[in-house]
């Protein structure tokens, strides 16, 4: 029997699930992230410099580390969705979603008939190359597959209520950095107006019973804890914290700052 999605298990047991972003083409980093105790790793094909072959290896590494893998595809193209799910991803995330029609097409591509129109093949990696039972896998997807969209543009904000009403969607993710850019705050993802807009999105989604994923880019554990607690008070249960590039860049810059005799600057770097 296939194990349940680690995200689903975490929500049932702890009421919250934590993950991170992986943009570096490195199965080792994916495996390390999973083995650290995180519940999921987002393999980022939108901003990572790799294609489906590398993404498949990264999904395998996340799986080997005991976490769930979600692949952020570059766009809503059906082929992208088909391929990452056939590769064994526990979920798919589509960026820059701006209307309900796009969400409906995403759900259709991710779900098997009769709900959707995902291509059916019994010998893909997701079914252990044909060793696994096909019917069992289809049943698993119905209960465990994550279908997520990122709303991060002005148009997406205007159509948000319609977006979250589409059946078959399991999670909506907020893109604070893109939102800050769209709202004229030039990457200041902590700006109060960006925060207020995200809080509005959370309230609307939770009113419909839809889970929301918040992204927090800091690498300092105490800052992350405070941000997570704030979102939890609003009903957020899913968190993507930091990321491989954030962790490495912040860590190296903090080390260099300390070596140059500026420990206070090192602390500031970690909290950026």
C-alpha atoms as a PDB file:
ATOM      1  CA  UNK A   1       0.000   0.000   0.000  1.00  0.00           C
ATOM      2  CA  UNK A   2       1.278   3.462  -0.900  1.00  0.00           C
ATOM      3  CA  UNK A   3       2.072   5.676   2.111  1.00  0.00           C
ATOM      4  CA  UNK A   4      -0.025   8.838   2.554  1.00  0.00           C
ATOM      5  CA  UNK A   5       1.338  12.171   1.445  1.00  0.00           C
ATOM      6  CA  UNK A   6       3.654  13.449   4.217  1.00  0.00           C
ATOM      7  CA  UNK A   7       1.862  16.811   4.126  1.00  0.00           C
ATOM      8  CA  UNK A   8      -1.464  15.149   4.834  1.00  0.00           C
ATOM      9  CA  UNK A   9       0.061  13.141   7.699  1.00  0.00           C
ATOM     10  CA  UNK A  10       1.673  16.251   9.224  1.00  0.00           C
ATOM     11  CA  UNK A  11      -1.598  18.177   9.128  1.00  0.00           C
ATOM     12  CA  UNK A  12      -3.455  15.303  10.750  1.00  0.00           C
ATOM     13  CA  UNK A  13      -0.865  14.760  13.478  1.00  0.00           C
ATOM     14  CA  UNK A  14       0.482  18.269  14.180  1.00  0.00           C
ATOM     15  CA  UNK A  15      -1.988  20.586  12.488  1.00  0.00           C
ATOM     16  CA  UNK A  16       0.828  22.225  10.509  1.00  0.00           C
ATOM     17  CA  UNK A  17       3.291  21.264   7.745  1.00  0.00           C
ATOM     18  CA  UNK A  18       6.662  22.846   6.953  1.00  0.00           C
ATOM     19  CA  UNK A  19       8.612  22.796   3.724  1.00  0.00           C
ATOM     20  CA  UNK A  20      11.211  24.730   1.757  1.00  0.00           C
ATOM     21  CA  UNK A  21      12.166  25.727  -1.798  1.00  0.00           C
ATOM     22  CA  UNK A  22      14.843  23.962  -3.814  1.00  0.00           C
ATOM     23  CA  UNK A  23      16.101  25.975  -6.793  1.00  0.00           C
ATOM     24  CA  UNK A  24      19.615  24.563  -7.074  1.00  0.00           C
ATOM     25  CA  UNK A  25      19.998  21.583  -9.384  1.00  0.00           C
ATOM     26  CA  UNK A  26      21.089  19.252  -6.584  1.00  0.00           C
ATOM     27  CA  UNK A  27      19.430  15.999  -5.484  1.00  0.00           C
ATOM     28  CA  UNK A  28      21.774  16.003  -2.478  1.00  0.00           C
ATOM     29  CA  UNK A  29      20.355  19.302  -1.199  1.00  0.00           C
ATOM     30  CA  UNK A  30      16.838  17.968  -1.752  1.00  0.00           C
ATOM     31  CA  UNK A  31      17.619  14.825   0.200  1.00  0.00           C
ATOM     32  CA  UNK A  32      19.294  16.809   2.971  1.00  0.00           C
ATOM     33  CA  UNK A  33      16.280  19.113   3.235  1.00  0.00           C
ATOM     34  CA  UNK A  34      13.929  16.146   3.476  1.00  0.00           C
ATOM     35  CA  UNK A  35      16.048  14.297   6.038  1.00  0.00           C
ATOM     36  CA  UNK A  36      16.266  17.413   8.214  1.00  0.00           C
ATOM     37  CA  UNK A  37      12.660  16.799   9.223  1.00  0.00           C
ATOM     38  CA  UNK A  38      10.785  19.044   6.798  1.00  0.00           C
ATOM     39  CA  UNK A  39       7.484  17.682   5.547  1.00  0.00           C
ATOM     40  CA  UNK A  40       7.819  18.796   1.933  1.00  0.00           C
ATOM     41  CA  UNK A  41      10.277  20.237  -0.557  1.00  0.00           C
ATOM     42  CA  UNK A  42       9.201  22.388  -3.511  1.00  0.00           C
ATOM     43  CA  UNK A  43      11.318  21.532  -6.541  1.00  0.00           C
ATOM     44  CA  UNK A  44      11.321  24.854  -8.374  1.00  0.00           C
ATOM     45  CA  UNK A  45      11.343  24.517 -12.162  1.00  0.00           C
ATOM     46  CA  UNK A  46      10.189  28.127 -12.596  1.00  0.00           C
ATOM     47  CA  UNK A  47      13.285  29.795 -11.163  1.00  0.00           C
ATOM     48  CA  UNK A  48      15.649  26.823 -11.046  1.00  0.00           C
ATOM     49  CA  UNK A  49      17.971  26.221 -13.982  1.00  0.00           C
ATOM     50  CA  UNK A  50      16.985  22.653 -14.820  1.00  0.00           C
ATOM     51  CA  UNK A  51      14.478  20.583 -16.766  1.00  0.00           C
ATOM     52  CA  UNK A  52      12.400  17.463 -16.265  1.00  0.00           C
ATOM     53  CA  UNK A  53      15.356  15.039 -16.093  1.00  0.00           C
ATOM     54  CA  UNK A  54      16.933  16.868 -13.161  1.00  0.00           C
ATOM     55  CA  UNK A  55      13.556  17.504 -11.559  1.00  0.00           C
ATOM     56  CA  UNK A  56      12.876  13.762 -11.607  1.00  0.00           C
ATOM     57  CA  UNK A  57      16.162  13.085  -9.800  1.00  0.00           C
ATOM     58  CA  UNK A  58      15.311  15.764  -7.242  1.00  0.00           C
ATOM     59  CA  UNK A  59      11.843  14.295  -6.682  1.00  0.00           C
ATOM     60  CA  UNK A  60      13.458  10.891  -6.124  1.00  0.00           C
ATOM     61  CA  UNK A  61      15.863  12.419  -3.585  1.00  0.00           C
ATOM     62  CA  UNK A  62      13.060  14.130  -1.672  1.00  0.00           C
ATOM     63  CA  UNK A  63      11.131  10.881  -1.601  1.00  0.00           C
ATOM     64  CA  UNK A  64      14.212   9.013  -0.380  1.00  0.00           C
ATOM     65  CA  UNK A  65      14.599  11.566   2.405  1.00  0.00           C
ATOM     66  CA  UNK A  66      11.078  10.877   3.630  1.00  0.00           C
ATOM     67  CA  UNK A  67       9.314  14.088   2.585  1.00  0.00           C
ATOM     68  CA  UNK A  68       6.664  14.961   0.013  1.00  0.00           C
ATOM     69  CA  UNK A  69       7.741  16.589  -3.231  1.00  0.00           C
ATOM     70  CA  UNK A  70       5.825  19.409  -4.882  1.00  0.00           C
ATOM     71  CA  UNK A  71       7.090  20.614  -8.244  1.00  0.00           C
ATOM     72  CA  UNK A  72       6.558  24.236  -9.209  1.00  0.00           C
ATOM     73  CA  UNK A  73       6.285  24.038 -12.976  1.00  0.00           C
ATOM     74  CA  UNK A  74       7.159  27.074 -15.137  1.00  0.00           C
ATOM     75  CA  UNK A  75       3.563  27.587 -16.318  1.00  0.00           C
ATOM     76  CA  UNK A  76       0.169  25.936 -16.713  1.00  0.00           C
ATOM     77  CA  UNK A  77       1.115  23.912 -19.790  1.00  0.00           C
ATOM     78  CA  UNK A  78      -0.584  20.498 -19.647  1.00  0.00           C
ATOM     79  CA  UNK A  79       2.599  18.679 -20.662  1.00  0.00           C
ATOM     80  CA  UNK A  80       4.540  20.174 -17.746  1.00  0.00           C
ATOM     81  CA  UNK A  81       1.882  19.020 -15.303  1.00  0.00           C
ATOM     82  CA  UNK A  82       1.666  15.535 -16.823  1.00  0.00           C
ATOM     83  CA  UNK A  83       5.400  15.005 -16.743  1.00  0.00           C
ATOM     84  CA  UNK A  84       6.131  16.046 -13.147  1.00  0.00           C
ATOM     85  CA  UNK A  85       3.269  13.937 -11.814  1.00  0.00           C
ATOM     86  CA  UNK A  86       4.349  10.929 -13.865  1.00  0.00           C
ATOM     87  CA  UNK A  87       7.838  11.495 -12.424  1.00  0.00           C
ATOM     88  CA  UNK A  88       6.398  10.771  -8.983  1.00  0.00           C
ATOM     89  CA  UNK A  89       5.805  14.225  -7.510  1.00  0.00           C
ATOM     90  CA  UNK A  90       3.305  14.314  -4.656  1.00  0.00           C
ATOM     91  CA  UNK A  91       1.912  17.543  -6.011  1.00  0.00           C
ATOM     92  CA  UNK A  92       2.147  20.273  -8.611  1.00  0.00           C
ATOM     93  CA  UNK A  93       2.219  24.045  -8.122  1.00  0.00           C
ATOM     94  CA  UNK A  94       1.529  26.480 -10.948  1.00  0.00           C
ATOM     95  CA  UNK A  95       2.737  30.097 -10.687  1.00  0.00           C
ATOM     96  CA  UNK A  96       1.157  33.365 -11.834  1.00  0.00           C
ATOM     97  CA  UNK A  97      -2.416  32.073 -11.889  1.00  0.00           C
ATOM     98  CA  UNK A  98      -4.826  34.913 -12.601  1.00  0.00           C
ATOM     99  CA  UNK A  99      -8.300  33.486 -13.248  1.00  0.00           C
ATOM    100  CA  UNK A 100     -10.641  30.590 -12.594  1.00  0.00           C
ATOM    101  CA  UNK A 101     -10.429  29.245 -16.145  1.00  0.00           C
ATOM    102  CA  UNK A 102      -6.707  28.623 -15.716  1.00  0.00           C
ATOM    103  CA  UNK A 103      -7.316  26.835 -12.411  1.00  0.00           C
ATOM    104  CA  UNK A 104      -9.922  24.611 -14.045  1.00  0.00           C
ATOM    105  CA  UNK A 105      -7.431  23.636 -16.766  1.00  0.00           C
ATOM    106  CA  UNK A 106      -4.780  22.879 -14.127  1.00  0.00           C
ATOM    107  CA  UNK A 107      -7.143  20.642 -12.173  1.00  0.00           C
ATOM    108  CA  UNK A 108      -8.190  18.903 -15.378  1.00  0.00           C
ATOM    109  CA  UNK A 109      -4.549  18.202 -16.265  1.00  0.00           C
ATOM    110  CA  UNK A 110      -3.674  16.940 -12.773  1.00  0.00           C
ATOM    111  CA  UNK A 111      -6.665  14.676 -12.117  1.00  0.00           C
ATOM    112  CA  UNK A 112      -7.506  11.368 -13.756  1.00  0.00           C
ATOM    113  CA  UNK A 113     -10.848  10.753 -15.451  1.00  0.00           C
ATOM    114  CA  UNK A 114     -13.666  11.047 -14.717  1.00  0.00           C
ATOM    115  CA  UNK A 115     -12.680  14.157 -12.700  1.00  0.00           C
ATOM    116  CA  UNK A 116      -9.996  15.337 -15.121  1.00  0.00           C
ATOM    117  CA  UNK A 117      -8.065  14.382 -18.226  1.00  0.00           C
ATOM    118  CA  UNK A 118      -4.603  13.487 -16.977  1.00  0.00           C
ATOM    119  CA  UNK A 119      -2.892  11.016 -19.278  1.00  0.00           C
ATOM    120  CA  UNK A 120      -3.012   7.477 -17.901  1.00  0.00           C
ATOM    121  CA  UNK A 121       0.037   5.226 -18.197  1.00  0.00           C
ATOM    122  CA  UNK A 122       0.642   2.262 -15.863  1.00  0.00           C
ATOM    123  CA  UNK A 123       4.434   2.113 -16.252  1.00  0.00           C
ATOM    124  CA  UNK A 124       5.635   5.590 -15.230  1.00  0.00           C
ATOM    125  CA  UNK A 125       7.890   6.267 -12.253  1.00  0.00           C
ATOM    126  CA  UNK A 126       4.905   7.307 -10.137  1.00  0.00           C
ATOM    127  CA  UNK A 127       3.654   3.695 -10.326  1.00  0.00           C
ATOM    128  CA  UNK A 128       7.129   2.224  -9.723  1.00  0.00           C
ATOM    129  CA  UNK A 129       7.575   1.800 -13.486  1.00  0.00           C
ATOM    130  CA  UNK A 130       4.681  -0.623 -13.687  1.00  0.00           C
ATOM    131  CA  UNK A 131       5.548  -2.682 -10.611  1.00  0.00           C
ATOM    132  CA  UNK A 132       2.915  -0.892  -8.523  1.00  0.00           C
ATOM    133  CA  UNK A 133      -0.805  -1.488  -8.800  1.00  0.00           C
ATOM    134  CA  UNK A 134      -2.490   0.996 -11.141  1.00  0.00           C
ATOM    135  CA  UNK A 135      -5.814   1.125  -9.321  1.00  0.00           C
ATOM    136  CA  UNK A 136      -4.060   1.705  -6.024  1.00  0.00           C
ATOM    137  CA  UNK A 137      -2.137   4.624  -7.481  1.00  0.00           C
ATOM    138  CA  UNK A 138      -5.264   6.237  -8.920  1.00  0.00           C
ATOM    139  CA  UNK A 139      -6.979   5.923  -5.548  1.00  0.00           C
ATOM    140  CA  UNK A 140      -3.886   7.422  -3.876  1.00  0.00           C
ATOM    141  CA  UNK A 141      -3.981  10.487  -6.132  1.00  0.00           C
ATOM    142  CA  UNK A 142      -7.630  11.104  -5.316  1.00  0.00           C
ATOM    143  CA  UNK A 143      -6.810  11.311  -1.601  1.00  0.00           C
ATOM    144  CA  UNK A 144      -3.238  12.605  -1.555  1.00  0.00           C
ATOM    145  CA  UNK A 145      -2.300  14.590  -4.649  1.00  0.00           C
ATOM    146  CA  UNK A 146      -1.628  18.287  -4.018  1.00  0.00           C
ATOM    147  CA  UNK A 147      -2.919  20.635  -6.718  1.00  0.00           C
ATOM    148  CA  UNK A 148      -1.730  24.141  -5.863  1.00  0.00           C
ATOM    149  CA  UNK A 149      -1.688  27.536  -7.526  1.00  0.00           C
ATOM    150  CA  UNK A 150       0.335  30.649  -6.768  1.00  0.00           C
ATOM    151  CA  UNK A 151      -1.562  33.929  -6.810  1.00  0.00           C
ATOM    152  CA  UNK A 152       0.965  36.725  -7.095  1.00  0.00           C
ATOM    153  CA  UNK A 153      -0.259  39.353  -9.569  1.00  0.00           C
ATOM    154  CA  UNK A 154      -2.715  42.242  -9.528  1.00  0.00           C
ATOM    155  CA  UNK A 155      -5.053  40.350 -11.874  1.00  0.00           C
ATOM    156  CA  UNK A 156      -4.901  37.281  -9.657  1.00  0.00           C
ATOM    157  CA  UNK A 157      -5.819  39.401  -6.633  1.00  0.00           C
ATOM    158  CA  UNK A 158      -8.837  40.859  -8.444  1.00  0.00           C
ATOM    159  CA  UNK A 159     -10.072  37.364  -9.352  1.00  0.00           C
ATOM    160  CA  UNK A 160      -9.060  35.661  -6.116  1.00  0.00           C
ATOM    161  CA  UNK A 161     -12.544  34.723  -4.931  1.00  0.00           C
ATOM    162  CA  UNK A 162     -13.273  33.013  -8.268  1.00  0.00           C
ATOM    163  CA  UNK A 163      -9.897  31.245  -8.253  1.00  0.00           C
ATOM    164  CA  UNK A 164     -10.380  29.635  -4.853  1.00  0.00           C
ATOM    165  CA  UNK A 165     -13.897  28.470  -5.744  1.00  0.00           C
ATOM    166  CA  UNK A 166     -12.728  25.995  -8.420  1.00  0.00           C
ATOM    167  CA  UNK A 167     -13.376  22.357  -7.364  1.00  0.00           C
ATOM    168  CA  UNK A 168     -10.349  20.075  -7.196  1.00  0.00           C
ATOM    169  CA  UNK A 169      -7.918  22.729  -5.971  1.00  0.00           C
ATOM    170  CA  UNK A 170      -6.280  21.653  -2.713  1.00  0.00           C
ATOM    171  CA  UNK A 171      -4.039  24.593  -1.863  1.00  0.00           C
ATOM    172  CA  UNK A 172      -3.457  28.217  -2.778  1.00  0.00           C
ATOM    173  CA  UNK A 173      -0.019  29.696  -2.226  1.00  0.00           C
ATOM    174  CA  UNK A 174       0.786  33.355  -1.733  1.00  0.00           C
ATOM    175  CA  UNK A 175       3.758  34.857  -3.552  1.00  0.00           C
ATOM    176  CA  UNK A 176       4.773  37.788  -1.342  1.00  0.00           C
ATOM    177  CA  UNK A 177       7.812  38.847  -3.373  1.00  0.00           C
ATOM    178  CA  UNK A 178       5.907  38.977  -6.664  1.00  0.00           C
ATOM    179  CA  UNK A 179       2.961  40.593  -4.894  1.00  0.00           C
ATOM    180  CA  UNK A 180       5.222  43.328  -3.553  1.00  0.00           C
ATOM    181  CA  UNK A 181       6.498  43.975  -7.062  1.00  0.00           C
ATOM    182  CA  UNK A 182       2.969  44.010  -8.522  1.00  0.00           C
ATOM    183  CA  UNK A 183       1.803  46.396  -5.788  1.00  0.00           C
ATOM    184  CA  UNK A 184       4.635  48.851  -6.456  1.00  0.00           C
ATOM    185  CA  UNK A 185       6.796  47.986  -3.447  1.00  0.00           C
ATOM    186  CA  UNK A 186       9.737  46.671  -5.482  1.00  0.00           C
ATOM    187  CA  UNK A 187      10.461  43.435  -3.652  1.00  0.00           C
ATOM    188  CA  UNK A 188       9.701  44.644  -0.129  1.00  0.00           C
ATOM    189  CA  UNK A 189       7.716  41.543   0.743  1.00  0.00           C
ATOM    190  CA  UNK A 190       7.412  42.661   4.375  1.00  0.00           C
ATOM    191  CA  UNK A 191       5.647  45.926   3.487  1.00  0.00           C
ATOM    192  CA  UNK A 192       2.476  46.404   5.595  1.00  0.00           C
ATOM    193  CA  UNK A 193       0.277  46.700   2.484  1.00  0.00           C
ATOM    194  CA  UNK A 194       1.617  43.404   1.141  1.00  0.00           C
ATOM    195  CA  UNK A 195       0.973  41.790   4.505  1.00  0.00           C
ATOM    196  CA  UNK A 196      -2.589  43.141   4.648  1.00  0.00           C
ATOM    197  CA  UNK A 197      -3.364  41.847   1.169  1.00  0.00           C
ATOM    198  CA  UNK A 198      -2.093  38.398   2.095  1.00  0.00           C
ATOM    199  CA  UNK A 199      -4.153  38.410   5.284  1.00  0.00           C
ATOM    200  CA  UNK A 200      -7.223  39.184   3.183  1.00  0.00           C
ATOM    201  CA  UNK A 201      -6.392  36.259   0.901  1.00  0.00           C
ATOM    202  CA  UNK A 202      -6.030  33.931   3.898  1.00  0.00           C
ATOM    203  CA  UNK A 203      -9.401  34.923   5.329  1.00  0.00           C
ATOM    204  CA  UNK A 204     -11.147  34.392   1.990  1.00  0.00           C
ATOM    205  CA  UNK A 205      -9.536  31.003   1.350  1.00  0.00           C
ATOM    206  CA  UNK A 206     -10.057  29.667   4.859  1.00  0.00           C
ATOM    207  CA  UNK A 207     -13.722  30.721   4.706  1.00  0.00           C
ATOM    208  CA  UNK A 208     -14.037  28.260   1.808  1.00  0.00           C
ATOM    209  CA  UNK A 209     -12.125  25.563   3.696  1.00  0.00           C
ATOM    210  CA  UNK A 210      -9.113  25.841   1.368  1.00  0.00           C
ATOM    211  CA  UNK A 211      -5.593  25.579   2.759  1.00  0.00           C
ATOM    212  CA  UNK A 212      -3.154  28.431   2.227  1.00  0.00           C
ATOM    213  CA  UNK A 213       0.628  28.224   2.028  1.00  0.00           C
ATOM    214  CA  UNK A 214       2.607  31.169   3.360  1.00  0.00           C
ATOM    215  CA  UNK A 215       6.198  31.781   2.237  1.00  0.00           C
ATOM    216  CA  UNK A 216       8.747  33.242   4.640  1.00  0.00           C
ATOM    217  CA  UNK A 217      12.165  33.916   3.163  1.00  0.00           C
ATOM    218  CA  UNK A 218      14.176  34.687   6.294  1.00  0.00           C
ATOM    219  CA  UNK A 219      16.831  32.206   7.367  1.00  0.00           C
ATOM    220  CA  UNK A 220      17.085  33.273  10.997  1.00  0.00           C
ATOM    221  CA  UNK A 221      15.170  30.686  13.085  1.00  0.00           C
ATOM    222  CA  UNK A 222      13.757  33.201  15.567  1.00  0.00           C
ATOM    223  CA  UNK A 223      12.439  35.496  12.839  1.00  0.00           C
ATOM    224  CA  UNK A 224      10.908  32.491  11.097  1.00  0.00           C
ATOM    225  CA  UNK A 225       9.240  31.384  14.323  1.00  0.00           C
ATOM    226  CA  UNK A 226       7.632  34.790  14.840  1.00  0.00           C
ATOM    227  CA  UNK A 227       6.354  34.933  11.282  1.00  0.00           C
ATOM    228  CA  UNK A 228       4.959  31.401  11.438  1.00  0.00           C
ATOM    229  CA  UNK A 229       3.155  32.111  14.708  1.00  0.00           C
ATOM    230  CA  UNK A 230       1.571  35.215  13.203  1.00  0.00           C
ATOM    231  CA  UNK A 231       0.230  33.330  10.206  1.00  0.00           C
ATOM    232  CA  UNK A 232      -0.973  30.415  12.332  1.00  0.00           C
ATOM    233  CA  UNK A 233      -3.190  32.811  14.263  1.00  0.00           C
ATOM    234  CA  UNK A 234      -4.989  33.515  10.967  1.00  0.00           C
ATOM    235  CA  UNK A 235      -5.484  29.823  10.199  1.00  0.00           C
ATOM    236  CA  UNK A 236      -2.493  29.141   7.937  1.00  0.00           C
ATOM    237  CA  UNK A 237      -1.287  25.540   8.255  1.00  0.00           C
ATOM    238  CA  UNK A 238       1.293  25.245   5.442  1.00  0.00           C
ATOM    239  CA  UNK A 239       4.626  27.068   5.371  1.00  0.00           C
ATOM    240  CA  UNK A 240       7.466  27.234   2.861  1.00  0.00           C
ATOM    241  CA  UNK A 241      10.393  28.555   4.870  1.00  0.00           C
ATOM    242  CA  UNK A 242      13.644  29.969   3.510  1.00  0.00           C
ATOM    243  CA  UNK A 243      15.148  27.974   0.595  1.00  0.00           C
ATOM    244  CA  UNK A 244      18.411  26.463  -0.550  1.00  0.00           C
ATOM    245  CA  UNK A 245      19.720  29.674  -2.123  1.00  0.00           C
ATOM    246  CA  UNK A 246      18.543  31.815   0.801  1.00  0.00           C
ATOM    247  CA  UNK A 247      20.171  29.488   3.328  1.00  0.00           C
ATOM    248  CA  UNK A 248      23.478  29.296   1.486  1.00  0.00           C
ATOM    249  CA  UNK A 249      23.736  32.983   0.582  1.00  0.00           C
ATOM    250  CA  UNK A 250      22.735  34.179   4.061  1.00  0.00           C
ATOM    251  CA  UNK A 251      25.017  31.659   5.723  1.00  0.00           C
ATOM    252  CA  UNK A 252      28.061  32.530   3.650  1.00  0.00           C
ATOM    253  CA  UNK A 253      27.484  36.276   3.966  1.00  0.00           C
ATOM    254  CA  UNK A 254      27.120  35.936   7.740  1.00  0.00           C
ATOM    255  CA  UNK A 255      30.384  33.994   7.915  1.00  0.00           C
ATOM    256  CA  UNK A 256      32.199  36.619   5.819  1.00  0.00           C
ATOM    257  CA  UNK A 257      30.758  39.449   7.936  1.00  0.00           C
ATOM    258  CA  UNK A 258      31.920  37.747  11.113  1.00  0.00           C
ATOM    259  CA  UNK A 259      35.390  37.090   9.691  1.00  0.00           C
ATOM    260  CA  UNK A 260      35.607  40.770   8.762  1.00  0.00           C
ATOM    261  CA  UNK A 261      34.850  41.690  12.355  1.00  0.00           C
ATOM    262  CA  UNK A 262      31.171  42.642  12.049  1.00  0.00           C
ATOM    263  CA  UNK A 263      29.102  40.149  14.066  1.00  0.00           C
ATOM    264  CA  UNK A 264      26.185  42.612  14.236  1.00  0.00           C
ATOM    265  CA  UNK A 265      26.181  42.795  10.438  1.00  0.00           C
ATOM    266  CA  UNK A 266      26.183  39.001  10.328  1.00  0.00           C
ATOM    267  CA  UNK A 267      23.032  38.930  12.425  1.00  0.00           C
ATOM    268  CA  UNK A 268      21.421  41.526  10.140  1.00  0.00           C
ATOM    269  CA  UNK A 269      22.224  39.409   7.090  1.00  0.00           C
ATOM    270  CA  UNK A 270      20.502  36.393   8.595  1.00  0.00           C
ATOM    271  CA  UNK A 271      17.395  38.487   9.259  1.00  0.00           C
ATOM    272  CA  UNK A 272      17.150  40.145   5.839  1.00  0.00           C
END
